[in-house]
């Protein structure tokens, strides 16, 4: 018996939706002292692991240590880039733009909301019964900025009152990024979607960005045999 897979993907079915335009905003971290020792240990493990015996206790231990290092680098990158992200967000607010900003860490969400006079916030601690109230406040124009958790609010919400999405942080899974983008790229959206990624040079962001490209290319090649999708966009460098 033969088994087949039929995929009906959004880009082939909802052809009436406007285009997405992506851009990369590069910022240079001013202080990387907390990151350098972690990067050194991470690179050392990357060299040692391929030389270890497969399925041995040593390689399992080393792989676990590497995961812990990546988690810590991810967290400390968010801390290091907070001031730069706030300046980008503040400038967008001053320009009068209505937009969504996605984060992973609550610390960064806390920092961002300090420069947003009018905002909603949805994260993992937001009661379900409150979420729709916040969405309606954003949709009807009461609030300018939506500060959202990448994992808690990347699905199930319609926020077509704006067409601008800013990613203050990246994430390791391309599906999460694409789902988050689609909060504005839904039926009812009339404008082209402006998707912006803040990528901090000197932190983990550049490594995650390359990983996302590789994973997305692999996914599309294996499942669809196509290579017409990419999250790479126009590059800009913000100097502060």
C-alpha atoms as a PDB file:
ATOM      1  CA  UNK A   1       0.000   0.000   0.000  1.00  0.00           C
ATOM      2  CA  UNK A   2       1.334   3.426  -0.956  1.00  0.00           C
ATOM      3  CA  UNK A   3       0.988   6.388   1.355  1.00  0.00           C
ATOM      4  CA  UNK A   4       1.013   9.951   0.061  1.00  0.00           C
ATOM      5  CA  UNK A   5       0.961  13.416   1.584  1.00  0.00           C
ATOM      6  CA  UNK A   6      -1.203  16.196   0.172  1.00  0.00           C
ATOM      7  CA  UNK A   7      -0.382  19.636   1.535  1.00  0.00           C
ATOM      8  CA  UNK A   8      -2.620  22.660   1.070  1.00  0.00           C
ATOM      9  CA  UNK A   9      -0.419  25.536   2.094  1.00  0.00           C
ATOM     10  CA  UNK A  10      -1.544  29.084   2.707  1.00  0.00           C
ATOM     11  CA  UNK A  11       0.553  30.667  -0.034  1.00  0.00           C
ATOM     12  CA  UNK A  12      -1.173  28.480  -2.654  1.00  0.00           C
ATOM     13  CA  UNK A  13      -4.738  28.784  -1.327  1.00  0.00           C
ATOM     14  CA  UNK A  14      -5.116  32.372  -0.048  1.00  0.00           C
ATOM     15  CA  UNK A  15      -3.690  34.016  -3.134  1.00  0.00           C
ATOM     16  CA  UNK A  16      -5.676  37.214  -2.526  1.00  0.00           C
ATOM     17  CA  UNK A  17      -3.623  38.178   0.529  1.00  0.00           C
ATOM     18  CA  UNK A  18      -1.148  41.041   0.112  1.00  0.00           C
ATOM     19  CA  UNK A  19       2.588  40.415  -0.033  1.00  0.00           C
ATOM     20  CA  UNK A  20       4.952  40.289   2.907  1.00  0.00           C
ATOM     21  CA  UNK A  21       8.061  42.454   2.788  1.00  0.00           C
ATOM     22  CA  UNK A  22      10.815  41.621   5.255  1.00  0.00           C
ATOM     23  CA  UNK A  23      13.732  43.716   6.449  1.00  0.00           C
ATOM     24  CA  UNK A  24      16.656  43.036   8.765  1.00  0.00           C
ATOM     25  CA  UNK A  25      17.631  45.756  11.228  1.00  0.00           C
ATOM     26  CA  UNK A  26      21.196  45.201  12.444  1.00  0.00           C
ATOM     27  CA  UNK A  27      22.297  46.771  15.717  1.00  0.00           C
ATOM     28  CA  UNK A  28      25.716  46.458  17.335  1.00  0.00           C
ATOM     29  CA  UNK A  29      25.789  45.370  20.967  1.00  0.00           C
ATOM     30  CA  UNK A  30      27.782  47.831  23.041  1.00  0.00           C
ATOM     31  CA  UNK A  31      28.745  45.431  25.834  1.00  0.00           C
ATOM     32  CA  UNK A  32      29.428  41.761  25.080  1.00  0.00           C
ATOM     33  CA  UNK A  33      31.566  40.939  28.137  1.00  0.00           C
ATOM     34  CA  UNK A  34      28.896  38.640  29.595  1.00  0.00           C
ATOM     35  CA  UNK A  35      28.565  36.809  26.266  1.00  0.00           C
ATOM     36  CA  UNK A  36      32.187  36.184  25.283  1.00  0.00           C
ATOM     37  CA  UNK A  37      32.976  33.441  27.884  1.00  0.00           C
ATOM     38  CA  UNK A  38      29.776  31.603  26.931  1.00  0.00           C
ATOM     39  CA  UNK A  39      30.598  31.773  23.227  1.00  0.00           C
ATOM     40  CA  UNK A  40      34.095  30.448  23.924  1.00  0.00           C
ATOM     41  CA  UNK A  41      32.733  27.413  25.799  1.00  0.00           C
ATOM     42  CA  UNK A  42      30.079  26.843  23.127  1.00  0.00           C
ATOM     43  CA  UNK A  43      32.624  26.878  20.283  1.00  0.00           C
ATOM     44  CA  UNK A  44      34.897  24.539  22.234  1.00  0.00           C
ATOM     45  CA  UNK A  45      32.070  22.014  22.671  1.00  0.00           C
ATOM     46  CA  UNK A  46      31.208  22.280  18.971  1.00  0.00           C
ATOM     47  CA  UNK A  47      34.745  21.134  18.159  1.00  0.00           C
ATOM     48  CA  UNK A  48      34.847  18.370  20.766  1.00  0.00           C
ATOM     49  CA  UNK A  49      31.436  16.729  20.195  1.00  0.00           C
ATOM     50  CA  UNK A  50      32.103  15.433  16.631  1.00  0.00           C
ATOM     51  CA  UNK A  51      35.194  13.597  17.966  1.00  0.00           C
ATOM     52  CA  UNK A  52      33.262  11.769  20.705  1.00  0.00           C
ATOM     53  CA  UNK A  53      31.904   8.231  20.525  1.00  0.00           C
ATOM     54  CA  UNK A  54      28.242   8.276  19.344  1.00  0.00           C
ATOM     55  CA  UNK A  55      25.629   7.506  22.043  1.00  0.00           C
ATOM     56  CA  UNK A  56      28.304   7.556  24.756  1.00  0.00           C
ATOM     57  CA  UNK A  57      27.784   9.181  28.135  1.00  0.00           C
ATOM     58  CA  UNK A  58      30.413  11.791  27.264  1.00  0.00           C
ATOM     59  CA  UNK A  59      28.583  12.971  24.173  1.00  0.00           C
ATOM     60  CA  UNK A  60      25.240  13.054  25.999  1.00  0.00           C
ATOM     61  CA  UNK A  61      26.767  15.160  28.751  1.00  0.00           C
ATOM     62  CA  UNK A  62      28.450  17.487  26.267  1.00  0.00           C
ATOM     63  CA  UNK A  63      25.247  17.877  24.240  1.00  0.00           C
ATOM     64  CA  UNK A  64      23.328  18.792  27.392  1.00  0.00           C
ATOM     65  CA  UNK A  65      25.984  21.338  28.341  1.00  0.00           C
ATOM     66  CA  UNK A  66      25.756  22.865  24.867  1.00  0.00           C
ATOM     67  CA  UNK A  67      21.967  23.212  25.150  1.00  0.00           C
ATOM     68  CA  UNK A  68      22.380  24.940  28.505  1.00  0.00           C
ATOM     69  CA  UNK A  69      24.917  27.329  27.014  1.00  0.00           C
ATOM     70  CA  UNK A  70      22.618  28.194  24.105  1.00  0.00           C
ATOM     71  CA  UNK A  71      19.758  28.891  26.517  1.00  0.00           C
ATOM     72  CA  UNK A  72      21.978  31.177  28.579  1.00  0.00           C
ATOM     73  CA  UNK A  73      23.297  32.946  25.466  1.00  0.00           C
ATOM     74  CA  UNK A  74      19.725  33.433  24.276  1.00  0.00           C
ATOM     75  CA  UNK A  75      18.724  35.007  27.593  1.00  0.00           C
ATOM     76  CA  UNK A  76      21.787  37.215  27.928  1.00  0.00           C
ATOM     77  CA  UNK A  77      21.496  38.399  24.332  1.00  0.00           C
ATOM     78  CA  UNK A  78      17.993  39.636  25.163  1.00  0.00           C
ATOM     79  CA  UNK A  79      19.347  41.508  28.182  1.00  0.00           C
ATOM     80  CA  UNK A  80      22.246  42.997  26.205  1.00  0.00           C
ATOM     81  CA  UNK A  81      20.063  44.236  23.338  1.00  0.00           C
ATOM     82  CA  UNK A  82      17.248  45.678  25.483  1.00  0.00           C
ATOM     83  CA  UNK A  83      18.403  49.299  25.317  1.00  0.00           C
ATOM     84  CA  UNK A  84      18.877  49.111  21.544  1.00  0.00           C
ATOM     85  CA  UNK A  85      15.479  47.513  21.013  1.00  0.00           C
ATOM     86  CA  UNK A  86      13.862  50.227  23.121  1.00  0.00           C
ATOM     87  CA  UNK A  87      15.388  52.896  20.911  1.00  0.00           C
ATOM     88  CA  UNK A  88      14.077  51.240  17.750  1.00  0.00           C
ATOM     89  CA  UNK A  89      10.602  50.865  19.287  1.00  0.00           C
ATOM     90  CA  UNK A  90      10.649  54.422  20.636  1.00  0.00           C
ATOM     91  CA  UNK A  91      11.464  55.817  17.198  1.00  0.00           C
ATOM     92  CA  UNK A  92       8.620  53.847  15.612  1.00  0.00           C
ATOM     93  CA  UNK A  93       6.235  55.123  18.304  1.00  0.00           C
ATOM     94  CA  UNK A  94       7.339  58.711  17.682  1.00  0.00           C
ATOM     95  CA  UNK A  95       6.735  58.231  13.960  1.00  0.00           C
ATOM     96  CA  UNK A  96       3.126  57.487  14.816  1.00  0.00           C
ATOM     97  CA  UNK A  97       3.270  53.908  13.522  1.00  0.00           C
ATOM     98  CA  UNK A  98       0.813  51.305  14.771  1.00  0.00           C
ATOM     99  CA  UNK A  99       2.602  47.982  15.093  1.00  0.00           C
ATOM    100  CA  UNK A 100       3.124  44.644  16.825  1.00  0.00           C
ATOM    101  CA  UNK A 101       6.361  43.778  18.604  1.00  0.00           C
ATOM    102  CA  UNK A 102       7.124  40.128  19.385  1.00  0.00           C
ATOM    103  CA  UNK A 103       9.459  38.972  22.182  1.00  0.00           C
ATOM    104  CA  UNK A 104      10.374  35.701  23.826  1.00  0.00           C
ATOM    105  CA  UNK A 105      11.612  36.876  27.231  1.00  0.00           C
ATOM    106  CA  UNK A 106       9.342  38.695  29.673  1.00  0.00           C
ATOM    107  CA  UNK A 107      12.246  40.895  30.742  1.00  0.00           C
ATOM    108  CA  UNK A 108      12.438  42.382  27.255  1.00  0.00           C
ATOM    109  CA  UNK A 109       8.663  42.853  27.129  1.00  0.00           C
ATOM    110  CA  UNK A 110       8.887  44.758  30.430  1.00  0.00           C
ATOM    111  CA  UNK A 111      11.573  47.028  28.978  1.00  0.00           C
ATOM    112  CA  UNK A 112       9.724  47.682  25.724  1.00  0.00           C
ATOM    113  CA  UNK A 113       6.457  48.689  27.338  1.00  0.00           C
ATOM    114  CA  UNK A 114       8.266  51.504  29.197  1.00  0.00           C
ATOM    115  CA  UNK A 115       8.627  53.375  25.883  1.00  0.00           C
ATOM    116  CA  UNK A 116       5.081  52.668  24.659  1.00  0.00           C
ATOM    117  CA  UNK A 117       2.553  55.213  25.994  1.00  0.00           C
ATOM    118  CA  UNK A 118      -0.374  53.266  24.512  1.00  0.00           C
ATOM    119  CA  UNK A 119      -0.110  49.482  24.327  1.00  0.00           C
ATOM    120  CA  UNK A 120      -1.610  46.079  24.980  1.00  0.00           C
ATOM    121  CA  UNK A 121       0.430  43.170  26.303  1.00  0.00           C
ATOM    122  CA  UNK A 122      -0.303  39.476  25.936  1.00  0.00           C
ATOM    123  CA  UNK A 123       2.020  36.866  27.418  1.00  0.00           C
ATOM    124  CA  UNK A 124       1.689  33.471  29.072  1.00  0.00           C
ATOM    125  CA  UNK A 125       0.260  34.996  32.262  1.00  0.00           C
ATOM    126  CA  UNK A 126      -2.528  36.938  30.508  1.00  0.00           C
ATOM    127  CA  UNK A 127      -5.953  35.451  31.415  1.00  0.00           C
ATOM    128  CA  UNK A 128      -7.743  33.950  28.418  1.00  0.00           C
ATOM    129  CA  UNK A 129     -10.872  36.010  29.104  1.00  0.00           C
ATOM    130  CA  UNK A 130      -8.802  39.228  28.881  1.00  0.00           C
ATOM    131  CA  UNK A 131      -7.086  38.467  25.586  1.00  0.00           C
ATOM    132  CA  UNK A 132     -10.035  39.285  23.337  1.00  0.00           C
ATOM    133  CA  UNK A 133     -10.589  42.556  25.194  1.00  0.00           C
ATOM    134  CA  UNK A 134      -6.980  43.519  24.487  1.00  0.00           C
ATOM    135  CA  UNK A 135      -7.269  42.482  20.841  1.00  0.00           C
ATOM    136  CA  UNK A 136     -10.417  44.595  20.411  1.00  0.00           C
ATOM    137  CA  UNK A 137      -8.701  47.592  22.040  1.00  0.00           C
ATOM    138  CA  UNK A 138      -5.889  47.292  19.519  1.00  0.00           C
ATOM    139  CA  UNK A 139      -8.164  46.653  16.560  1.00  0.00           C
ATOM    140  CA  UNK A 140     -10.488  49.585  17.224  1.00  0.00           C
ATOM    141  CA  UNK A 141      -7.627  52.073  17.550  1.00  0.00           C
ATOM    142  CA  UNK A 142      -7.526  52.553  21.322  1.00  0.00           C
ATOM    143  CA  UNK A 143      -3.952  51.254  21.556  1.00  0.00           C
ATOM    144  CA  UNK A 144      -0.952  51.926  19.328  1.00  0.00           C
ATOM    145  CA  UNK A 145       1.397  49.023  20.094  1.00  0.00           C
ATOM    146  CA  UNK A 146       0.802  45.322  20.771  1.00  0.00           C
ATOM    147  CA  UNK A 147       3.597  43.802  22.872  1.00  0.00           C
ATOM    148  CA  UNK A 148       3.201  40.067  22.390  1.00  0.00           C
ATOM    149  CA  UNK A 149       4.861  36.872  23.565  1.00  0.00           C
ATOM    150  CA  UNK A 150       6.197  34.879  20.648  1.00  0.00           C
ATOM    151  CA  UNK A 151       4.948  31.579  22.078  1.00  0.00           C
ATOM    152  CA  UNK A 152       1.789  32.672  23.909  1.00  0.00           C
ATOM    153  CA  UNK A 153       0.378  34.964  21.207  1.00  0.00           C
ATOM    154  CA  UNK A 154       1.754  33.801  17.855  1.00  0.00           C
ATOM    155  CA  UNK A 155      -1.417  31.864  16.958  1.00  0.00           C
ATOM    156  CA  UNK A 156      -5.162  32.414  17.131  1.00  0.00           C
ATOM    157  CA  UNK A 157      -5.165  36.233  17.120  1.00  0.00           C
ATOM    158  CA  UNK A 158      -6.302  38.534  14.326  1.00  0.00           C
ATOM    159  CA  UNK A 159      -4.540  41.894  14.451  1.00  0.00           C
ATOM    160  CA  UNK A 160      -5.148  43.292  10.984  1.00  0.00           C
ATOM    161  CA  UNK A 161      -5.494  46.864  12.292  1.00  0.00           C
ATOM    162  CA  UNK A 162      -1.790  47.107  11.498  1.00  0.00           C
ATOM    163  CA  UNK A 163       0.433  45.659   8.812  1.00  0.00           C
ATOM    164  CA  UNK A 164       3.737  46.169  10.664  1.00  0.00           C
ATOM    165  CA  UNK A 165       5.384  43.455  12.788  1.00  0.00           C
ATOM    166  CA  UNK A 166       8.656  43.983  14.627  1.00  0.00           C
ATOM    167  CA  UNK A 167      10.565  40.987  16.010  1.00  0.00           C
ATOM    168  CA  UNK A 168      12.574  42.228  18.979  1.00  0.00           C
ATOM    169  CA  UNK A 169      13.929  38.675  19.324  1.00  0.00           C
ATOM    170  CA  UNK A 170      14.377  35.675  17.065  1.00  0.00           C
ATOM    171  CA  UNK A 171      13.458  32.058  17.786  1.00  0.00           C
ATOM    172  CA  UNK A 172      14.914  28.698  16.759  1.00  0.00           C
ATOM    173  CA  UNK A 173      11.789  27.355  14.997  1.00  0.00           C
ATOM    174  CA  UNK A 174      10.832  28.998  11.668  1.00  0.00           C
ATOM    175  CA  UNK A 175       7.213  27.883  12.069  1.00  0.00           C
ATOM    176  CA  UNK A 176       6.862  30.055  15.176  1.00  0.00           C
ATOM    177  CA  UNK A 177       8.214  33.076  13.297  1.00  0.00           C
ATOM    178  CA  UNK A 178       5.899  32.510  10.331  1.00  0.00           C
ATOM    179  CA  UNK A 179       2.849  32.012  12.564  1.00  0.00           C
ATOM    180  CA  UNK A 180       3.676  35.226  14.430  1.00  0.00           C
ATOM    181  CA  UNK A 181       3.929  37.140  11.144  1.00  0.00           C
ATOM    182  CA  UNK A 182       0.514  35.861  10.180  1.00  0.00           C
ATOM    183  CA  UNK A 183      -1.247  37.747  12.970  1.00  0.00           C
ATOM    184  CA  UNK A 184      -1.366  40.598  10.432  1.00  0.00           C
ATOM    185  CA  UNK A 185      -1.239  38.497   7.244  1.00  0.00           C
ATOM    186  CA  UNK A 186      -4.817  37.263   7.416  1.00  0.00           C
ATOM    187  CA  UNK A 187      -8.108  37.660   5.561  1.00  0.00           C
ATOM    188  CA  UNK A 188      -9.134  41.283   5.946  1.00  0.00           C
ATOM    189  CA  UNK A 189      -5.631  42.686   5.557  1.00  0.00           C
ATOM    190  CA  UNK A 190      -5.582  45.280   2.768  1.00  0.00           C
ATOM    191  CA  UNK A 191      -1.999  46.522   3.013  1.00  0.00           C
ATOM    192  CA  UNK A 192       1.317  44.890   2.213  1.00  0.00           C
ATOM    193  CA  UNK A 193       2.822  43.477   5.413  1.00  0.00           C
ATOM    194  CA  UNK A 194       6.027  45.065   6.698  1.00  0.00           C
ATOM    195  CA  UNK A 195       7.961  42.491   8.764  1.00  0.00           C
ATOM    196  CA  UNK A 196      11.076  43.746  10.574  1.00  0.00           C
ATOM    197  CA  UNK A 197      13.685  41.693  12.431  1.00  0.00           C
ATOM    198  CA  UNK A 198      16.110  43.244  14.923  1.00  0.00           C
ATOM    199  CA  UNK A 199      19.371  41.281  14.742  1.00  0.00           C
ATOM    200  CA  UNK A 200      22.003  42.112  17.352  1.00  0.00           C
ATOM    201  CA  UNK A 201      25.582  41.752  16.154  1.00  0.00           C
ATOM    202  CA  UNK A 202      27.802  40.283  18.854  1.00  0.00           C
ATOM    203  CA  UNK A 203      25.055  38.123  20.378  1.00  0.00           C
ATOM    204  CA  UNK A 204      23.319  34.881  19.474  1.00  0.00           C
ATOM    205  CA  UNK A 205      20.999  36.510  16.926  1.00  0.00           C
ATOM    206  CA  UNK A 206      23.252  36.074  13.897  1.00  0.00           C
ATOM    207  CA  UNK A 207      23.626  32.340  14.619  1.00  0.00           C
ATOM    208  CA  UNK A 208      19.853  31.887  15.049  1.00  0.00           C
ATOM    209  CA  UNK A 209      19.188  33.834  11.834  1.00  0.00           C
ATOM    210  CA  UNK A 210      21.449  31.491   9.822  1.00  0.00           C
ATOM    211  CA  UNK A 211      19.817  28.476  11.477  1.00  0.00           C
ATOM    212  CA  UNK A 212      16.343  29.723  10.513  1.00  0.00           C
ATOM    213  CA  UNK A 213      17.384  30.049   6.852  1.00  0.00           C
ATOM    214  CA  UNK A 214      18.764  26.504   6.839  1.00  0.00           C
ATOM    215  CA  UNK A 215      15.727  24.955   8.539  1.00  0.00           C
ATOM    216  CA  UNK A 216      13.232  26.722   6.300  1.00  0.00           C
ATOM    217  CA  UNK A 217      15.111  25.721   3.156  1.00  0.00           C
ATOM    218  CA  UNK A 218      15.284  22.091   4.337  1.00  0.00           C
ATOM    219  CA  UNK A 219      11.570  22.020   5.211  1.00  0.00           C
ATOM    220  CA  UNK A 220      10.480  23.377   1.841  1.00  0.00           C
ATOM    221  CA  UNK A 221      12.823  21.082  -0.096  1.00  0.00           C
ATOM    222  CA  UNK A 222      11.733  17.916   1.717  1.00  0.00           C
ATOM    223  CA  UNK A 223       7.980  18.573   1.853  1.00  0.00           C
ATOM    224  CA  UNK A 224       7.246  20.670  -1.209  1.00  0.00           C
ATOM    225  CA  UNK A 225      10.267  20.438  -3.496  1.00  0.00           C
ATOM    226  CA  UNK A 226      10.330  24.212  -3.828  1.00  0.00           C
ATOM    227  CA  UNK A 227      12.720  27.012  -2.958  1.00  0.00           C
ATOM    228  CA  UNK A 228      10.629  30.148  -3.488  1.00  0.00           C
ATOM    229  CA  UNK A 229      10.238  31.077   0.171  1.00  0.00           C
ATOM    230  CA  UNK A 230      12.727  32.864   2.363  1.00  0.00           C
ATOM    231  CA  UNK A 231      12.641  35.046   5.471  1.00  0.00           C
ATOM    232  CA  UNK A 232      15.681  37.007   4.300  1.00  0.00           C
ATOM    233  CA  UNK A 233      14.861  40.674   3.691  1.00  0.00           C
ATOM    234  CA  UNK A 234      16.474  44.000   2.949  1.00  0.00           C
ATOM    235  CA  UNK A 235      19.314  44.845   5.316  1.00  0.00           C
ATOM    236  CA  UNK A 236      19.640  48.074   7.257  1.00  0.00           C
ATOM    237  CA  UNK A 237      22.074  49.041   9.985  1.00  0.00           C
ATOM    238  CA  UNK A 238      20.943  51.331  12.760  1.00  0.00           C
ATOM    239  CA  UNK A 239      23.711  53.413  14.290  1.00  0.00           C
ATOM    240  CA  UNK A 240      23.147  54.725  17.800  1.00  0.00           C
END
